[in-house]
């Protein structure tokens, strides 16, 4: 699972440092290459370098191009200049990421529109089989999500963990994006490699509004993962009382058991979530289902195939 695009954020931080100290000393001492100029927003320098014959598609050791760094920084004039001079709009870096993915994650709406208008592949995938839509959905950029959807972004593409854009939006609690994805045909109950759904993600992370939208749209509240765990167990495990209440009201089986015979009450009790325990008991949880066991190795560690 992509919890954060470290590369995109590091690029922004490096740019901030460069701008703080200014590019002049770098230019005087070592000169400046196309990628650095694009990174720092030096439009005239970019144009001069191109006029001098610099290859606009040159990649650094990580496979990044000038277009990628200009896109993540939203230097739109440079993005347009590079494209006009033959920049490969769908070039990939060492991780398989493109300029569109970088811009989508960073929330650069204007750059996203420019890239799409010039032929960026909306459904191109990186090395983890993730798309620009997944990037934007996770980061919560609803306008970019809407733009990508209007360009026929596939809402049901799965990454290598069998996760979808809907799961990313639910995990991060972006309920408006959850609505948009469902409206465009996202499969609500699709399961990842561990059998978890978007509702499981929202329940585990305490994203009440996202869970509410999923349930209102028909999510199966009793669907089980590969360990026979339910969304109610996920919510109880982390003491998310509001979601526990919502799931109970929506017909969750309060006494469902996982593959070891544990119920939501045992999950709550094992983590000493008293409020969740009391709520479950008040709604008919069986207090005689067995001994409280250590749940520390479940749920959190089993959200994805090779762990978070």
C-alpha atoms as a PDB file:
ATOM      1  CA  UNK A   1       0.000   0.000   0.000  1.00  0.00           C
ATOM      2  CA  UNK A   2       1.129   3.494  -0.776  1.00  0.00           C
ATOM      3  CA  UNK A   3       1.001   5.367   2.503  1.00  0.00           C
ATOM      4  CA  UNK A   4       2.886   8.369   1.185  1.00  0.00           C
ATOM      5  CA  UNK A   5       4.720   9.313  -1.972  1.00  0.00           C
ATOM      6  CA  UNK A   6       8.068   9.970  -0.333  1.00  0.00           C
ATOM      7  CA  UNK A   7       9.738  10.888  -3.578  1.00  0.00           C
ATOM      8  CA  UNK A   8       7.234  13.614  -4.454  1.00  0.00           C
ATOM      9  CA  UNK A   9       7.507  15.163  -1.010  1.00  0.00           C
ATOM     10  CA  UNK A  10      11.302  15.009  -1.000  1.00  0.00           C
ATOM     11  CA  UNK A  11      11.353  16.755  -4.356  1.00  0.00           C
ATOM     12  CA  UNK A  12       9.260  19.585  -2.920  1.00  0.00           C
ATOM     13  CA  UNK A  13      11.526  19.890   0.125  1.00  0.00           C
ATOM     14  CA  UNK A  14      14.676  20.000  -1.976  1.00  0.00           C
ATOM     15  CA  UNK A  15      13.131  22.666  -4.153  1.00  0.00           C
ATOM     16  CA  UNK A  16      12.253  24.738  -1.104  1.00  0.00           C
ATOM     17  CA  UNK A  17      15.862  24.593   0.088  1.00  0.00           C
ATOM     18  CA  UNK A  18      17.132  25.524  -3.362  1.00  0.00           C
ATOM     19  CA  UNK A  19      14.818  28.503  -3.551  1.00  0.00           C
ATOM     20  CA  UNK A  20      15.754  29.604  -0.021  1.00  0.00           C
ATOM     21  CA  UNK A  21      19.446  29.861  -0.850  1.00  0.00           C
ATOM     22  CA  UNK A  22      18.883  30.866  -4.451  1.00  0.00           C
ATOM     23  CA  UNK A  23      20.168  29.265  -7.651  1.00  0.00           C
ATOM     24  CA  UNK A  24      22.800  31.858  -8.457  1.00  0.00           C
ATOM     25  CA  UNK A  25      25.649  30.257  -6.483  1.00  0.00           C
ATOM     26  CA  UNK A  26      24.896  26.866  -7.991  1.00  0.00           C
ATOM     27  CA  UNK A  27      24.921  28.319 -11.489  1.00  0.00           C
ATOM     28  CA  UNK A  28      28.142  30.230 -10.889  1.00  0.00           C
ATOM     29  CA  UNK A  29      30.025  27.321  -9.370  1.00  0.00           C
ATOM     30  CA  UNK A  30      28.821  24.293 -11.264  1.00  0.00           C
ATOM     31  CA  UNK A  31      26.471  25.436 -13.985  1.00  0.00           C
ATOM     32  CA  UNK A  32      22.897  24.216 -14.126  1.00  0.00           C
ATOM     33  CA  UNK A  33      21.317  21.328 -15.973  1.00  0.00           C
ATOM     34  CA  UNK A  34      17.863  21.135 -17.495  1.00  0.00           C
ATOM     35  CA  UNK A  35      16.317  19.157 -14.656  1.00  0.00           C
ATOM     36  CA  UNK A  36      17.609  21.573 -12.020  1.00  0.00           C
ATOM     37  CA  UNK A  37      16.365  24.561 -13.983  1.00  0.00           C
ATOM     38  CA  UNK A  38      12.958  22.929 -14.399  1.00  0.00           C
ATOM     39  CA  UNK A  39      12.907  22.037 -10.715  1.00  0.00           C
ATOM     40  CA  UNK A  40      13.598  25.602  -9.634  1.00  0.00           C
ATOM     41  CA  UNK A  41      11.196  27.223 -12.075  1.00  0.00           C
ATOM     42  CA  UNK A  42      13.857  28.943 -14.173  1.00  0.00           C
ATOM     43  CA  UNK A  43      11.858  29.281 -17.373  1.00  0.00           C
ATOM     44  CA  UNK A  44      14.361  31.388 -19.307  1.00  0.00           C
ATOM     45  CA  UNK A  45      17.187  29.005 -18.406  1.00  0.00           C
ATOM     46  CA  UNK A  46      15.115  26.042 -19.563  1.00  0.00           C
ATOM     47  CA  UNK A  47      14.471  27.751 -22.875  1.00  0.00           C
ATOM     48  CA  UNK A  48      18.154  28.646 -23.304  1.00  0.00           C
ATOM     49  CA  UNK A  49      19.269  25.101 -22.594  1.00  0.00           C
ATOM     50  CA  UNK A  50      16.778  23.721 -25.095  1.00  0.00           C
ATOM     51  CA  UNK A  51      17.948  26.258 -27.673  1.00  0.00           C
ATOM     52  CA  UNK A  52      21.507  25.049 -27.048  1.00  0.00           C
ATOM     53  CA  UNK A  53      20.434  21.540 -27.979  1.00  0.00           C
ATOM     54  CA  UNK A  54      19.964  19.888 -24.582  1.00  0.00           C
ATOM     55  CA  UNK A  55      17.899  16.694 -24.835  1.00  0.00           C
ATOM     56  CA  UNK A  56      14.567  17.377 -23.088  1.00  0.00           C
ATOM     57  CA  UNK A  57      14.167  13.669 -22.348  1.00  0.00           C
ATOM     58  CA  UNK A  58      17.443  13.204 -20.485  1.00  0.00           C
ATOM     59  CA  UNK A  59      16.986  11.145 -17.322  1.00  0.00           C
ATOM     60  CA  UNK A  60      18.988  11.241 -14.113  1.00  0.00           C
ATOM     61  CA  UNK A  61      20.107   8.185 -12.117  1.00  0.00           C
ATOM     62  CA  UNK A  62      16.574   7.698 -10.763  1.00  0.00           C
ATOM     63  CA  UNK A  63      15.019   7.940 -14.199  1.00  0.00           C
ATOM     64  CA  UNK A  64      13.469  11.366 -13.582  1.00  0.00           C
ATOM     65  CA  UNK A  65      13.115  13.892 -16.370  1.00  0.00           C
ATOM     66  CA  UNK A  66      12.789  17.663 -16.398  1.00  0.00           C
ATOM     67  CA  UNK A  67       9.085  17.293 -17.171  1.00  0.00           C
ATOM     68  CA  UNK A  68       8.519  15.193 -14.065  1.00  0.00           C
ATOM     69  CA  UNK A  69      10.113  17.683 -11.704  1.00  0.00           C
ATOM     70  CA  UNK A  70       8.449  20.660 -13.362  1.00  0.00           C
ATOM     71  CA  UNK A  71       5.113  18.867 -13.034  1.00  0.00           C
ATOM     72  CA  UNK A  72       5.405  18.080  -9.347  1.00  0.00           C
ATOM     73  CA  UNK A  73       6.345  21.729  -8.694  1.00  0.00           C
ATOM     74  CA  UNK A  74       3.530  23.051 -10.929  1.00  0.00           C
ATOM     75  CA  UNK A  75       5.832  25.153 -13.091  1.00  0.00           C
ATOM     76  CA  UNK A  76       3.262  25.288 -15.862  1.00  0.00           C
ATOM     77  CA  UNK A  77       5.206  27.503 -18.289  1.00  0.00           C
ATOM     78  CA  UNK A  78       8.102  25.078 -18.126  1.00  0.00           C
ATOM     79  CA  UNK A  79       5.776  22.100 -18.503  1.00  0.00           C
ATOM     80  CA  UNK A  80       4.345  23.669 -21.670  1.00  0.00           C
ATOM     81  CA  UNK A  81       7.806  24.545 -22.985  1.00  0.00           C
ATOM     82  CA  UNK A  82       9.127  21.038 -22.457  1.00  0.00           C
ATOM     83  CA  UNK A  83       6.106  19.437 -24.115  1.00  0.00           C
ATOM     84  CA  UNK A  84       6.330  21.841 -27.056  1.00  0.00           C
ATOM     85  CA  UNK A  85       9.936  20.769 -27.526  1.00  0.00           C
ATOM     86  CA  UNK A  86       9.304  17.056 -27.603  1.00  0.00           C
ATOM     87  CA  UNK A  87       9.275  15.932 -23.963  1.00  0.00           C
ATOM     88  CA  UNK A  88       8.011  12.363 -23.630  1.00  0.00           C
ATOM     89  CA  UNK A  89       4.839  12.971 -21.636  1.00  0.00           C
ATOM     90  CA  UNK A  90       4.508   9.325 -20.610  1.00  0.00           C
ATOM     91  CA  UNK A  91       8.149   8.706 -19.701  1.00  0.00           C
ATOM     92  CA  UNK A  92       8.606   6.649 -16.530  1.00  0.00           C
ATOM     93  CA  UNK A  93      11.197   6.915 -13.790  1.00  0.00           C
ATOM     94  CA  UNK A  94      12.851   3.969 -12.055  1.00  0.00           C
ATOM     95  CA  UNK A  95       9.648   3.333 -10.083  1.00  0.00           C
ATOM     96  CA  UNK A  96       7.496   3.482 -13.173  1.00  0.00           C
ATOM     97  CA  UNK A  97       5.986   6.832 -12.198  1.00  0.00           C
ATOM     98  CA  UNK A  98       5.124   9.511 -14.728  1.00  0.00           C
ATOM     99  CA  UNK A  99       4.751  13.281 -14.712  1.00  0.00           C
ATOM    100  CA  UNK A 100       0.969  12.856 -14.455  1.00  0.00           C
ATOM    101  CA  UNK A 101       1.262  10.674 -11.359  1.00  0.00           C
ATOM    102  CA  UNK A 102       3.604  13.151  -9.697  1.00  0.00           C
ATOM    103  CA  UNK A 103       1.324  16.088 -10.449  1.00  0.00           C
ATOM    104  CA  UNK A 104      -1.781  14.193  -9.357  1.00  0.00           C
ATOM    105  CA  UNK A 105      -0.301  13.272  -5.985  1.00  0.00           C
ATOM    106  CA  UNK A 106       1.017  16.791  -5.404  1.00  0.00           C
ATOM    107  CA  UNK A 107      -2.387  18.306  -6.185  1.00  0.00           C
ATOM    108  CA  UNK A 108      -1.195  20.329  -9.161  1.00  0.00           C
ATOM    109  CA  UNK A 109      -4.511  20.771 -10.956  1.00  0.00           C
ATOM    110  CA  UNK A 110      -3.368  23.047 -13.770  1.00  0.00           C
ATOM    111  CA  UNK A 111      -0.413  20.839 -14.606  1.00  0.00           C
ATOM    112  CA  UNK A 112      -2.639  17.751 -14.599  1.00  0.00           C
ATOM    113  CA  UNK A 113      -4.925  19.459 -17.113  1.00  0.00           C
ATOM    114  CA  UNK A 114      -1.986  20.440 -19.328  1.00  0.00           C
ATOM    115  CA  UNK A 115      -0.564  16.922 -19.303  1.00  0.00           C
ATOM    116  CA  UNK A 116      -3.914  15.318 -20.100  1.00  0.00           C
ATOM    117  CA  UNK A 117      -4.594  17.815 -22.885  1.00  0.00           C
ATOM    118  CA  UNK A 118      -1.286  16.840 -24.448  1.00  0.00           C
ATOM    119  CA  UNK A 119      -1.778  13.101 -24.431  1.00  0.00           C
ATOM    120  CA  UNK A 120      -0.791  11.849 -20.984  1.00  0.00           C
ATOM    121  CA  UNK A 121      -2.043   8.283 -20.510  1.00  0.00           C
ATOM    122  CA  UNK A 122      -4.613   8.508 -17.720  1.00  0.00           C
ATOM    123  CA  UNK A 123      -4.422   4.777 -16.965  1.00  0.00           C
ATOM    124  CA  UNK A 124      -0.683   4.222 -17.223  1.00  0.00           C
ATOM    125  CA  UNK A 125       0.654   2.212 -14.271  1.00  0.00           C
ATOM    126  CA  UNK A 126       3.819   2.318 -12.218  1.00  0.00           C
ATOM    127  CA  UNK A 127       5.879  -0.605 -10.942  1.00  0.00           C
ATOM    128  CA  UNK A 128       3.279  -1.259  -8.223  1.00  0.00           C
ATOM    129  CA  UNK A 129       0.502  -1.176 -10.814  1.00  0.00           C
ATOM    130  CA  UNK A 130      -0.767   2.101  -9.364  1.00  0.00           C
ATOM    131  CA  UNK A 131      -2.269   4.957 -11.370  1.00  0.00           C
ATOM    132  CA  UNK A 132      -2.624   8.718 -11.161  1.00  0.00           C
ATOM    133  CA  UNK A 133      -6.194   8.180  -9.926  1.00  0.00           C
ATOM    134  CA  UNK A 134      -4.936   6.163  -6.965  1.00  0.00           C
ATOM    135  CA  UNK A 135      -2.394   8.880  -6.182  1.00  0.00           C
ATOM    136  CA  UNK A 136      -5.028  11.621  -6.216  1.00  0.00           C
ATOM    137  CA  UNK A 137      -7.587   9.538  -4.314  1.00  0.00           C
ATOM    138  CA  UNK A 138      -5.158   8.776  -1.517  1.00  0.00           C
ATOM    139  CA  UNK A 139      -3.971  12.374  -1.271  1.00  0.00           C
ATOM    140  CA  UNK A 140      -7.526  13.712  -1.247  1.00  0.00           C
ATOM    141  CA  UNK A 141      -7.385  15.936  -4.335  1.00  0.00           C
ATOM    142  CA  UNK A 142     -11.052  15.757  -5.293  1.00  0.00           C
ATOM    143  CA  UNK A 143     -10.812  18.163  -8.245  1.00  0.00           C
ATOM    144  CA  UNK A 144      -8.031  16.105  -9.780  1.00  0.00           C
ATOM    145  CA  UNK A 145      -9.957  12.897  -9.150  1.00  0.00           C
ATOM    146  CA  UNK A 146     -12.945  14.407 -10.979  1.00  0.00           C
ATOM    147  CA  UNK A 147     -10.707  15.502 -13.844  1.00  0.00           C
ATOM    148  CA  UNK A 148      -9.160  12.060 -14.195  1.00  0.00           C
ATOM    149  CA  UNK A 149     -12.582  10.415 -14.063  1.00  0.00           C
ATOM    150  CA  UNK A 150     -13.826  12.759 -16.787  1.00  0.00           C
ATOM    151  CA  UNK A 151     -10.924  11.467 -18.885  1.00  0.00           C
ATOM    152  CA  UNK A 152     -12.078   7.869 -18.395  1.00  0.00           C
ATOM    153  CA  UNK A 153      -9.695   6.843 -15.646  1.00  0.00           C
ATOM    154  CA  UNK A 154     -10.381   3.209 -14.767  1.00  0.00           C
ATOM    155  CA  UNK A 155     -11.815   3.171 -11.223  1.00  0.00           C
ATOM    156  CA  UNK A 156     -11.325  -0.557 -10.760  1.00  0.00           C
ATOM    157  CA  UNK A 157      -7.648  -1.015 -11.616  1.00  0.00           C
ATOM    158  CA  UNK A 158      -5.895  -2.937  -8.840  1.00  0.00           C
ATOM    159  CA  UNK A 159      -2.305  -2.535  -7.717  1.00  0.00           C
ATOM    160  CA  UNK A 160      -0.003  -5.399  -6.819  1.00  0.00           C
ATOM    161  CA  UNK A 161      -1.753  -5.658  -3.419  1.00  0.00           C
ATOM    162  CA  UNK A 162      -5.094  -5.825  -5.262  1.00  0.00           C
ATOM    163  CA  UNK A 163      -6.016  -2.440  -3.845  1.00  0.00           C
ATOM    164  CA  UNK A 164      -8.145   0.083  -5.716  1.00  0.00           C
ATOM    165  CA  UNK A 165      -8.539   3.849  -5.737  1.00  0.00           C
ATOM    166  CA  UNK A 166     -11.678   3.366  -3.619  1.00  0.00           C
ATOM    167  CA  UNK A 167      -9.667   1.626  -0.917  1.00  0.00           C
ATOM    168  CA  UNK A 168      -7.132   4.450  -0.886  1.00  0.00           C
ATOM    169  CA  UNK A 169      -9.874   7.067  -0.575  1.00  0.00           C
ATOM    170  CA  UNK A 170     -11.603   5.119   2.212  1.00  0.00           C
ATOM    171  CA  UNK A 171      -8.341   4.564   4.063  1.00  0.00           C
ATOM    172  CA  UNK A 172      -7.612   8.287   4.062  1.00  0.00           C
ATOM    173  CA  UNK A 173     -11.186   9.283   4.879  1.00  0.00           C
ATOM    174  CA  UNK A 174     -11.908  11.246   1.714  1.00  0.00           C
ATOM    175  CA  UNK A 175     -15.656  10.648   1.676  1.00  0.00           C
ATOM    176  CA  UNK A 176     -16.400  12.963  -1.268  1.00  0.00           C
ATOM    177  CA  UNK A 177     -13.900  11.055  -3.384  1.00  0.00           C
ATOM    178  CA  UNK A 178     -15.445   7.784  -2.214  1.00  0.00           C
ATOM    179  CA  UNK A 179     -18.782   9.093  -3.540  1.00  0.00           C
ATOM    180  CA  UNK A 180     -17.267  10.148  -6.865  1.00  0.00           C
ATOM    181  CA  UNK A 181     -15.584   6.795  -7.406  1.00  0.00           C
ATOM    182  CA  UNK A 182     -18.740   4.860  -6.569  1.00  0.00           C
ATOM    183  CA  UNK A 183     -20.757   7.067  -8.913  1.00  0.00           C
ATOM    184  CA  UNK A 184     -18.312   6.158 -11.683  1.00  0.00           C
ATOM    185  CA  UNK A 185     -18.721   2.439 -11.065  1.00  0.00           C
ATOM    186  CA  UNK A 186     -16.153   1.525  -8.433  1.00  0.00           C
ATOM    187  CA  UNK A 187     -16.698  -2.004  -7.145  1.00  0.00           C
ATOM    188  CA  UNK A 188     -17.616  -1.391  -3.500  1.00  0.00           C
ATOM    189  CA  UNK A 189     -16.928  -4.864  -2.186  1.00  0.00           C
ATOM    190  CA  UNK A 190     -13.819  -5.732  -4.165  1.00  0.00           C
ATOM    191  CA  UNK A 191     -11.223  -7.363  -1.918  1.00  0.00           C
ATOM    192  CA  UNK A 192      -7.471  -6.950  -1.674  1.00  0.00           C
ATOM    193  CA  UNK A 193      -4.973  -9.779  -1.406  1.00  0.00           C
ATOM    194  CA  UNK A 194      -5.973 -10.311   2.237  1.00  0.00           C
ATOM    195  CA  UNK A 195      -9.672 -10.201   1.474  1.00  0.00           C
ATOM    196  CA  UNK A 196     -10.143  -6.714   2.882  1.00  0.00           C
ATOM    197  CA  UNK A 197     -12.529  -4.181   1.375  1.00  0.00           C
ATOM    198  CA  UNK A 198     -12.816  -0.401   1.315  1.00  0.00           C
ATOM    199  CA  UNK A 199     -15.166  -0.680   4.300  1.00  0.00           C
ATOM    200  CA  UNK A 200     -12.543  -2.720   6.165  1.00  0.00           C
ATOM    201  CA  UNK A 201     -10.003   0.030   5.517  1.00  0.00           C
ATOM    202  CA  UNK A 202     -12.335   2.790   6.695  1.00  0.00           C
ATOM    203  CA  UNK A 203     -13.330   0.796   9.789  1.00  0.00           C
ATOM    204  CA  UNK A 204      -9.767   0.012  10.785  1.00  0.00           C
ATOM    205  CA  UNK A 205      -8.645   3.618  10.430  1.00  0.00           C
ATOM    206  CA  UNK A 206     -11.713   5.202  12.038  1.00  0.00           C
ATOM    207  CA  UNK A 207     -12.949   6.981   8.915  1.00  0.00           C
ATOM    208  CA  UNK A 208     -16.591   7.287   9.936  1.00  0.00           C
ATOM    209  CA  UNK A 209     -17.926   9.380   7.048  1.00  0.00           C
ATOM    210  CA  UNK A 210     -16.215   7.221   4.452  1.00  0.00           C
ATOM    211  CA  UNK A 211     -17.692   4.139   6.130  1.00  0.00           C
ATOM    212  CA  UNK A 212     -21.125   5.785   6.157  1.00  0.00           C
ATOM    213  CA  UNK A 213     -20.935   6.518   2.424  1.00  0.00           C
ATOM    214  CA  UNK A 214     -19.825   2.963   1.641  1.00  0.00           C
ATOM    215  CA  UNK A 215     -22.619   1.436   3.703  1.00  0.00           C
ATOM    216  CA  UNK A 216     -25.236   3.770   2.210  1.00  0.00           C
ATOM    217  CA  UNK A 217     -23.999   2.691  -1.228  1.00  0.00           C
ATOM    218  CA  UNK A 218     -24.511  -0.982  -0.446  1.00  0.00           C
ATOM    219  CA  UNK A 219     -21.232  -2.205   1.036  1.00  0.00           C
ATOM    220  CA  UNK A 220     -21.584  -5.644   2.625  1.00  0.00           C
ATOM    221  CA  UNK A 221     -21.073  -5.044   6.357  1.00  0.00           C
ATOM    222  CA  UNK A 222     -20.588  -8.756   7.017  1.00  0.00           C
ATOM    223  CA  UNK A 223     -18.084  -9.562   4.306  1.00  0.00           C
ATOM    224  CA  UNK A 224     -15.127 -11.463   5.746  1.00  0.00           C
ATOM    225  CA  UNK A 225     -11.457 -11.382   4.853  1.00  0.00           C
ATOM    226  CA  UNK A 226      -9.119 -14.351   4.582  1.00  0.00           C
ATOM    227  CA  UNK A 227      -8.922 -14.627   8.374  1.00  0.00           C
ATOM    228  CA  UNK A 228     -12.710 -14.444   8.651  1.00  0.00           C
ATOM    229  CA  UNK A 229     -12.449 -10.973  10.166  1.00  0.00           C
ATOM    230  CA  UNK A 230     -15.206  -8.422   9.604  1.00  0.00           C
ATOM    231  CA  UNK A 231     -15.339  -4.641   9.469  1.00  0.00           C
ATOM    232  CA  UNK A 232     -16.898  -4.686  12.939  1.00  0.00           C
ATOM    233  CA  UNK A 233     -13.901  -6.539  14.322  1.00  0.00           C
ATOM    234  CA  UNK A 234     -11.599  -4.008  12.666  1.00  0.00           C
ATOM    235  CA  UNK A 235     -13.438  -1.085  14.233  1.00  0.00           C
ATOM    236  CA  UNK A 236     -13.631  -2.770  17.650  1.00  0.00           C
ATOM    237  CA  UNK A 237      -9.936  -3.601  17.597  1.00  0.00           C
ATOM    238  CA  UNK A 238      -9.000   0.065  17.386  1.00  0.00           C
ATOM    239  CA  UNK A 239     -11.812   1.347  19.564  1.00  0.00           C
ATOM    240  CA  UNK A 240     -13.580   3.295  16.836  1.00  0.00           C
ATOM    241  CA  UNK A 241     -16.874   3.461  18.699  1.00  0.00           C
ATOM    242  CA  UNK A 242     -18.726   5.588  16.135  1.00  0.00           C
ATOM    243  CA  UNK A 243     -18.019   3.054  13.416  1.00  0.00           C
ATOM    244  CA  UNK A 244     -18.886   0.169  15.744  1.00  0.00           C
ATOM    245  CA  UNK A 245     -22.264   1.837  16.330  1.00  0.00           C
ATOM    246  CA  UNK A 246     -22.748   2.535  12.617  1.00  0.00           C
ATOM    247  CA  UNK A 247     -21.983  -1.058  11.666  1.00  0.00           C
ATOM    248  CA  UNK A 248     -24.321  -2.464  14.316  1.00  0.00           C
ATOM    249  CA  UNK A 249     -27.112  -0.164  13.136  1.00  0.00           C
ATOM    250  CA  UNK A 250     -26.430  -1.339   9.578  1.00  0.00           C
ATOM    251  CA  UNK A 251     -26.856  -5.024  10.381  1.00  0.00           C
ATOM    252  CA  UNK A 252     -23.354  -6.205  11.225  1.00  0.00           C
ATOM    253  CA  UNK A 253     -23.304  -9.640  12.841  1.00  0.00           C
ATOM    254  CA  UNK A 254     -22.226  -8.716  16.334  1.00  0.00           C
ATOM    255  CA  UNK A 255     -21.264 -12.272  17.279  1.00  0.00           C
ATOM    256  CA  UNK A 256     -19.466 -13.268  14.100  1.00  0.00           C
ATOM    257  CA  UNK A 257     -16.254 -15.182  14.772  1.00  0.00           C
ATOM    258  CA  UNK A 258     -12.902 -15.084  13.024  1.00  0.00           C
ATOM    259  CA  UNK A 259     -10.852 -18.139  12.135  1.00  0.00           C
ATOM    260  CA  UNK A 260      -9.752 -18.498  15.765  1.00  0.00           C
ATOM    261  CA  UNK A 261     -13.260 -18.092  17.153  1.00  0.00           C
ATOM    262  CA  UNK A 262     -12.803 -14.486  18.290  1.00  0.00           C
ATOM    263  CA  UNK A 263     -15.640 -11.961  18.165  1.00  0.00           C
ATOM    264  CA  UNK A 264     -15.663  -8.175  17.939  1.00  0.00           C
ATOM    265  CA  UNK A 265     -16.118  -8.107  21.723  1.00  0.00           C
ATOM    266  CA  UNK A 266     -12.930 -10.085  22.221  1.00  0.00           C
ATOM    267  CA  UNK A 267     -11.053  -7.737  19.896  1.00  0.00           C
ATOM    268  CA  UNK A 268     -12.269  -4.718  21.875  1.00  0.00           C
ATOM    269  CA  UNK A 269     -11.579  -6.392  25.214  1.00  0.00           C
ATOM    270  CA  UNK A 270      -8.110  -7.484  24.199  1.00  0.00           C
ATOM    271  CA  UNK A 271      -7.182  -3.858  23.499  1.00  0.00           C
ATOM    272  CA  UNK A 272      -9.068  -2.545  26.560  1.00  0.00           C
ATOM    273  CA  UNK A 273     -11.452  -0.378  24.572  1.00  0.00           C
ATOM    274  CA  UNK A 274     -14.073  -0.149  27.326  1.00  0.00           C
ATOM    275  CA  UNK A 275     -16.493   2.126  25.467  1.00  0.00           C
ATOM    276  CA  UNK A 276     -16.549  -0.207  22.483  1.00  0.00           C
ATOM    277  CA  UNK A 277     -16.951  -3.198  24.805  1.00  0.00           C
ATOM    278  CA  UNK A 278     -19.947  -1.632  26.548  1.00  0.00           C
ATOM    279  CA  UNK A 279     -21.543  -0.697  23.243  1.00  0.00           C
ATOM    280  CA  UNK A 280     -21.171  -4.221  21.911  1.00  0.00           C
ATOM    281  CA  UNK A 281     -22.559  -5.770  25.097  1.00  0.00           C
ATOM    282  CA  UNK A 282     -25.475  -3.344  25.127  1.00  0.00           C
ATOM    283  CA  UNK A 283     -26.340  -4.502  21.625  1.00  0.00           C
ATOM    284  CA  UNK A 284     -26.297  -8.205  22.379  1.00  0.00           C
ATOM    285  CA  UNK A 285     -22.687  -9.314  22.143  1.00  0.00           C
ATOM    286  CA  UNK A 286     -22.226 -12.742  23.695  1.00  0.00           C
ATOM    287  CA  UNK A 287     -20.018 -12.312  26.771  1.00  0.00           C
ATOM    288  CA  UNK A 288     -19.447 -16.069  27.003  1.00  0.00           C
ATOM    289  CA  UNK A 289     -17.687 -16.645  23.702  1.00  0.00           C
ATOM    290  CA  UNK A 290     -14.271 -17.489  25.188  1.00  0.00           C
ATOM    291  CA  UNK A 291     -11.183 -16.071  26.799  1.00  0.00           C
ATOM    292  CA  UNK A 292      -9.724 -12.716  25.835  1.00  0.00           C
ATOM    293  CA  UNK A 293      -6.687 -13.285  23.666  1.00  0.00           C
ATOM    294  CA  UNK A 294      -3.844 -11.147  22.403  1.00  0.00           C
ATOM    295  CA  UNK A 295      -4.886  -9.525  19.139  1.00  0.00           C
ATOM    296  CA  UNK A 296      -1.687  -7.575  18.598  1.00  0.00           C
ATOM    297  CA  UNK A 297      -0.580  -9.661  15.631  1.00  0.00           C
ATOM    298  CA  UNK A 298      -3.852  -9.397  13.742  1.00  0.00           C
ATOM    299  CA  UNK A 299      -5.590  -6.724  11.737  1.00  0.00           C
ATOM    300  CA  UNK A 300      -2.850  -4.088  11.728  1.00  0.00           C
ATOM    301  CA  UNK A 301      -0.327  -6.543  10.338  1.00  0.00           C
ATOM    302  CA  UNK A 302      -2.729  -8.142   7.899  1.00  0.00           C
ATOM    303  CA  UNK A 303      -4.120  -5.133   6.092  1.00  0.00           C
ATOM    304  CA  UNK A 304      -2.033  -5.859   3.007  1.00  0.00           C
ATOM    305  CA  UNK A 305      -0.022  -8.778   1.647  1.00  0.00           C
ATOM    306  CA  UNK A 306       3.435  -7.700   2.731  1.00  0.00           C
ATOM    307  CA  UNK A 307       2.336  -5.421   5.540  1.00  0.00           C
ATOM    308  CA  UNK A 308       2.118  -1.660   5.844  1.00  0.00           C
END
